[in-house]
């Protein structure tokens, strides 16, 4: 099991399904901690990773999708629909 770690904005818990264990520059926080997010199904062009996250500013739990490319972040936000 991967250990949790803090960034300036979040406490992160890496998904065991991550191929890339990196926090990329472009980040999208979704306030749905139990939503199933299947990132390969979004047909993203760059690398990506997923974390369970606690936003430090307000303690809100959710998930953080981090993406290597800005256009992938826009694509994810447009396609994401919580279940």
N, C-alpha and C. Protein backbone atom coordinates (compact mmCIF):
# COMPACT_ATOMS: atom_id res chain seq x y z
N UNK A 1 0.84 -1.18 0.00
CA UNK A 1 0.00 0.00 0.00
C UNK A 1 0.88 1.24 0.00
N UNK A 2 0.57 2.17 -0.90
CA UNK A 2 1.35 3.40 -1.00
C UNK A 2 0.99 4.35 0.15
N UNK A 3 1.99 5.07 0.59
CA UNK A 3 1.78 5.99 1.71
C UNK A 3 1.17 7.30 1.22
N UNK A 4 0.41 7.92 2.09
CA UNK A 4 -0.17 9.23 1.80
C UNK A 4 0.94 10.28 1.89
N UNK A 5 0.75 11.39 1.16
CA UNK A 5 1.69 12.50 1.24
C UNK A 5 0.94 13.80 1.01
N UNK A 6 1.55 14.88 1.43
CA UNK A 6 0.93 16.20 1.32
C UNK A 6 1.59 17.02 0.21
N UNK A 7 0.77 17.81 -0.46
CA UNK A 7 1.26 18.85 -1.36
C UNK A 7 0.85 20.17 -0.72
N UNK A 8 1.04 21.26 -1.41
CA UNK A 8 0.65 22.56 -0.85
C UNK A 8 -0.86 22.66 -0.66
N UNK A 9 -1.63 21.94 -1.49
CA UNK A 9 -3.09 22.08 -1.47
C UNK A 9 -3.86 20.84 -1.01
N UNK A 10 -3.23 19.66 -1.05
CA UNK A 10 -3.96 18.42 -0.80
C UNK A 10 -3.16 17.42 0.03
N UNK A 11 -3.88 16.56 0.71
CA UNK A 11 -3.31 15.33 1.27
C UNK A 11 -3.74 14.26 0.27
N UNK A 12 -2.79 13.54 -0.31
CA UNK A 12 -3.08 12.61 -1.40
C UNK A 12 -2.80 11.17 -1.02
N UNK A 13 -3.65 10.31 -1.54
CA UNK A 13 -3.54 8.87 -1.36
C UNK A 13 -3.54 8.25 -2.76
N UNK A 14 -2.40 7.77 -3.25
CA UNK A 14 -2.31 7.28 -4.63
C UNK A 14 -3.21 6.07 -4.90
N UNK A 15 -3.77 6.05 -6.09
CA UNK A 15 -4.54 4.89 -6.52
C UNK A 15 -3.57 3.75 -6.84
N UNK A 16 -3.88 2.54 -6.41
CA UNK A 16 -3.00 1.42 -6.75
C UNK A 16 -3.02 1.09 -8.24
N UNK A 17 -3.98 1.63 -8.98
CA UNK A 17 -4.08 1.37 -10.42
C UNK A 17 -3.27 2.35 -11.25
N UNK A 18 -2.64 3.33 -10.63
CA UNK A 18 -1.85 4.32 -11.37
C UNK A 18 -0.69 3.65 -12.10
N UNK A 19 -0.56 3.96 -13.38
CA UNK A 19 0.60 3.52 -14.15
C UNK A 19 1.74 4.49 -13.88
N UNK A 20 1.40 5.77 -13.81
CA UNK A 20 2.38 6.82 -13.55
C UNK A 20 2.14 7.35 -12.14
N UNK A 21 3.10 7.23 -11.29
CA UNK A 21 2.95 7.65 -9.90
C UNK A 21 3.57 9.04 -9.70
N UNK A 22 2.98 9.99 -10.44
CA UNK A 22 3.48 11.36 -10.47
C UNK A 22 2.30 12.31 -10.28
N UNK A 23 2.52 13.41 -9.59
CA UNK A 23 1.52 14.48 -9.52
C UNK A 23 1.86 15.44 -10.66
N UNK A 24 1.05 15.41 -11.72
CA UNK A 24 1.32 16.23 -12.89
C UNK A 24 0.84 17.67 -12.68
N UNK A 25 1.27 18.55 -13.57
CA UNK A 25 1.02 19.99 -13.44
C UNK A 25 -0.46 20.36 -13.50
N UNK A 26 -1.22 19.74 -14.38
CA UNK A 26 -2.63 20.10 -14.57
C UNK A 26 -3.48 19.20 -13.68
N UNK A 27 -4.29 19.82 -12.83
CA UNK A 27 -5.02 19.08 -11.82
C UNK A 27 -6.49 19.44 -11.83
N UNK A 28 -7.32 18.41 -11.66
CA UNK A 28 -8.77 18.61 -11.57
C UNK A 28 -9.24 17.91 -10.30
N UNK A 29 -9.79 18.68 -9.37
CA UNK A 29 -10.35 18.11 -8.14
C UNK A 29 -11.83 17.85 -8.36
N UNK A 30 -12.26 16.64 -8.10
CA UNK A 30 -13.69 16.31 -8.18
C UNK A 30 -14.16 15.95 -6.77
N UNK A 31 -15.20 16.61 -6.27
CA UNK A 31 -15.64 16.42 -4.88
C UNK A 31 -16.53 15.19 -4.70
N UNK A 32 -16.17 14.10 -5.36
CA UNK A 32 -16.93 12.85 -5.29
C UNK A 32 -15.97 11.74 -4.89
N UNK A 33 -15.78 11.51 -3.59
CA UNK A 33 -14.77 10.54 -3.17
C UNK A 33 -15.07 9.10 -3.56
N UNK A 34 -16.31 8.78 -3.87
CA UNK A 34 -16.66 7.40 -4.18
C UNK A 34 -16.98 7.17 -5.65
N UNK A 35 -16.86 8.19 -6.49
CA UNK A 35 -17.12 8.03 -7.92
C UNK A 35 -16.05 7.13 -8.53
N UNK A 36 -16.47 6.27 -9.43
CA UNK A 36 -15.53 5.43 -10.15
C UNK A 36 -15.03 6.21 -11.36
N UNK A 37 -13.72 6.44 -11.38
CA UNK A 37 -13.12 7.19 -12.48
C UNK A 37 -12.18 6.26 -13.23
N UNK A 38 -12.57 5.89 -14.44
CA UNK A 38 -11.77 5.01 -15.29
C UNK A 38 -11.04 5.89 -16.31
N UNK A 39 -9.86 6.37 -15.93
CA UNK A 39 -9.15 7.32 -16.78
C UNK A 39 -8.80 6.79 -18.17
N UNK A 40 -8.46 5.51 -18.35
CA UNK A 40 -8.18 5.04 -19.71
C UNK A 40 -9.37 5.21 -20.67
N UNK A 41 -10.58 5.20 -20.15
CA UNK A 41 -11.75 5.33 -21.02
C UNK A 41 -11.95 6.76 -21.54
N UNK A 42 -11.20 7.74 -21.02
CA UNK A 42 -11.32 9.12 -21.47
C UNK A 42 -10.48 9.39 -22.72
N UNK A 43 -9.70 8.41 -23.16
CA UNK A 43 -8.87 8.53 -24.37
C UNK A 43 -7.98 9.78 -24.31
N UNK A 44 -7.24 9.90 -23.22
CA UNK A 44 -6.36 11.05 -23.01
C UNK A 44 -5.06 10.85 -23.78
N UNK A 45 -4.45 11.94 -24.22
CA UNK A 45 -3.24 11.84 -25.03
C UNK A 45 -1.97 11.73 -24.20
N UNK A 46 -1.93 12.40 -23.07
CA UNK A 46 -0.73 12.40 -22.23
C UNK A 46 -0.86 11.46 -21.05
N UNK A 47 0.13 11.53 -20.19
CA UNK A 47 0.13 10.70 -18.98
C UNK A 47 -0.80 11.31 -17.94
N UNK A 48 -1.26 10.50 -17.01
CA UNK A 48 -2.20 10.95 -15.99
C UNK A 48 -2.06 10.08 -14.75
N UNK A 49 -2.61 10.56 -13.64
CA UNK A 49 -2.65 9.78 -12.41
C UNK A 49 -3.88 10.21 -11.60
N UNK A 50 -4.29 9.34 -10.70
CA UNK A 50 -5.49 9.55 -9.89
C UNK A 50 -5.15 9.36 -8.42
N UNK A 51 -5.70 10.24 -7.59
CA UNK A 51 -5.46 10.17 -6.15
C UNK A 51 -6.76 10.40 -5.40
N UNK A 52 -6.97 9.67 -4.32
CA UNK A 52 -7.98 10.07 -3.35
C UNK A 52 -7.37 11.30 -2.68
N UNK A 53 -8.20 12.31 -2.41
CA UNK A 53 -7.63 13.57 -1.94
C UNK A 53 -8.47 14.22 -0.87
N UNK A 54 -7.78 14.90 0.03
CA UNK A 54 -8.42 15.77 1.01
C UNK A 54 -7.88 17.17 0.73
N UNK A 55 -8.78 18.08 0.37
CA UNK A 55 -8.38 19.46 0.08
C UNK A 55 -8.08 20.14 1.42
N UNK A 56 -6.86 20.59 1.60
CA UNK A 56 -6.42 21.12 2.88
C UNK A 56 -7.11 22.43 3.26
N UNK A 57 -7.52 23.23 2.29
CA UNK A 57 -8.12 24.53 2.59
C UNK A 57 -9.45 24.41 3.33
N UNK A 58 -10.22 23.34 3.04
CA UNK A 58 -11.53 23.21 3.69
C UNK A 58 -11.85 21.79 4.18
N UNK A 59 -10.91 20.86 4.03
CA UNK A 59 -11.13 19.50 4.50
C UNK A 59 -12.07 18.68 3.62
N UNK A 60 -12.41 19.18 2.44
CA UNK A 60 -13.32 18.49 1.53
C UNK A 60 -12.62 17.27 0.94
N UNK A 61 -13.31 16.11 1.02
CA UNK A 61 -12.78 14.88 0.45
C UNK A 61 -13.23 14.75 -1.00
N UNK A 62 -12.41 14.14 -1.80
CA UNK A 62 -12.74 13.91 -3.21
C UNK A 62 -11.63 13.13 -3.88
N UNK A 63 -11.47 13.37 -5.17
CA UNK A 63 -10.41 12.73 -5.94
C UNK A 63 -9.70 13.80 -6.75
N UNK A 64 -8.42 13.61 -6.95
CA UNK A 64 -7.62 14.54 -7.74
C UNK A 64 -7.09 13.79 -8.95
N UNK A 65 -7.46 14.28 -10.12
CA UNK A 65 -6.93 13.77 -11.37
C UNK A 65 -5.82 14.71 -11.78
N UNK A 66 -4.63 14.19 -12.00
CA UNK A 66 -3.53 15.03 -12.45
C UNK A 66 -3.15 14.58 -13.85
N UNK A 67 -2.90 15.58 -14.70
CA UNK A 67 -2.68 15.31 -16.12
C UNK A 67 -1.45 16.05 -16.62
N UNK A 68 -0.77 15.42 -17.54
CA UNK A 68 0.44 15.99 -18.11
C UNK A 68 0.12 17.13 -19.08
N UNK A 69 -1.00 17.03 -19.80
CA UNK A 69 -1.33 18.01 -20.83
C UNK A 69 -2.58 18.80 -20.47
N UNK A 70 -2.54 20.11 -20.73
CA UNK A 70 -3.67 20.99 -20.41
C UNK A 70 -4.93 20.61 -21.17
N UNK A 71 -4.79 20.22 -22.44
CA UNK A 71 -5.99 19.85 -23.21
C UNK A 71 -6.65 18.59 -22.67
N UNK A 72 -5.88 17.70 -22.04
CA UNK A 72 -6.48 16.53 -21.41
C UNK A 72 -7.30 16.93 -20.19
N UNK A 73 -6.86 17.95 -19.46
CA UNK A 73 -7.62 18.44 -18.30
C UNK A 73 -8.97 18.99 -18.76
N UNK A 74 -8.97 19.74 -19.85
CA UNK A 74 -10.21 20.29 -20.40
C UNK A 74 -11.12 19.16 -20.85
N UNK A 75 -10.54 18.17 -21.52
CA UNK A 75 -11.32 17.02 -22.01
C UNK A 75 -11.93 16.25 -20.84
N UNK A 76 -11.15 16.01 -19.80
CA UNK A 76 -11.67 15.28 -18.64
C UNK A 76 -12.83 16.05 -18.00
N UNK A 77 -12.67 17.36 -17.80
CA UNK A 77 -13.72 18.16 -17.18
C UNK A 77 -14.99 18.14 -18.02
N UNK A 78 -14.87 18.14 -19.32
CA UNK A 78 -16.04 18.13 -20.20
C UNK A 78 -16.77 16.80 -20.17
N UNK A 79 -16.01 15.71 -20.02
CA UNK A 79 -16.62 14.37 -20.09
C UNK A 79 -17.02 13.80 -18.74
N UNK A 80 -16.45 14.29 -17.65
CA UNK A 80 -16.71 13.68 -16.34
C UNK A 80 -18.15 13.95 -15.89
N UNK A 81 -18.83 12.87 -15.56
CA UNK A 81 -20.18 12.94 -15.00
C UNK A 81 -20.17 12.02 -13.78
N UNK A 82 -20.42 12.55 -12.59
CA UNK A 82 -20.42 11.68 -11.39
C UNK A 82 -21.55 10.66 -11.47
N UNK A 83 -21.31 9.47 -10.96
CA UNK A 83 -22.34 8.44 -10.99
C UNK A 83 -23.31 8.58 -9.86
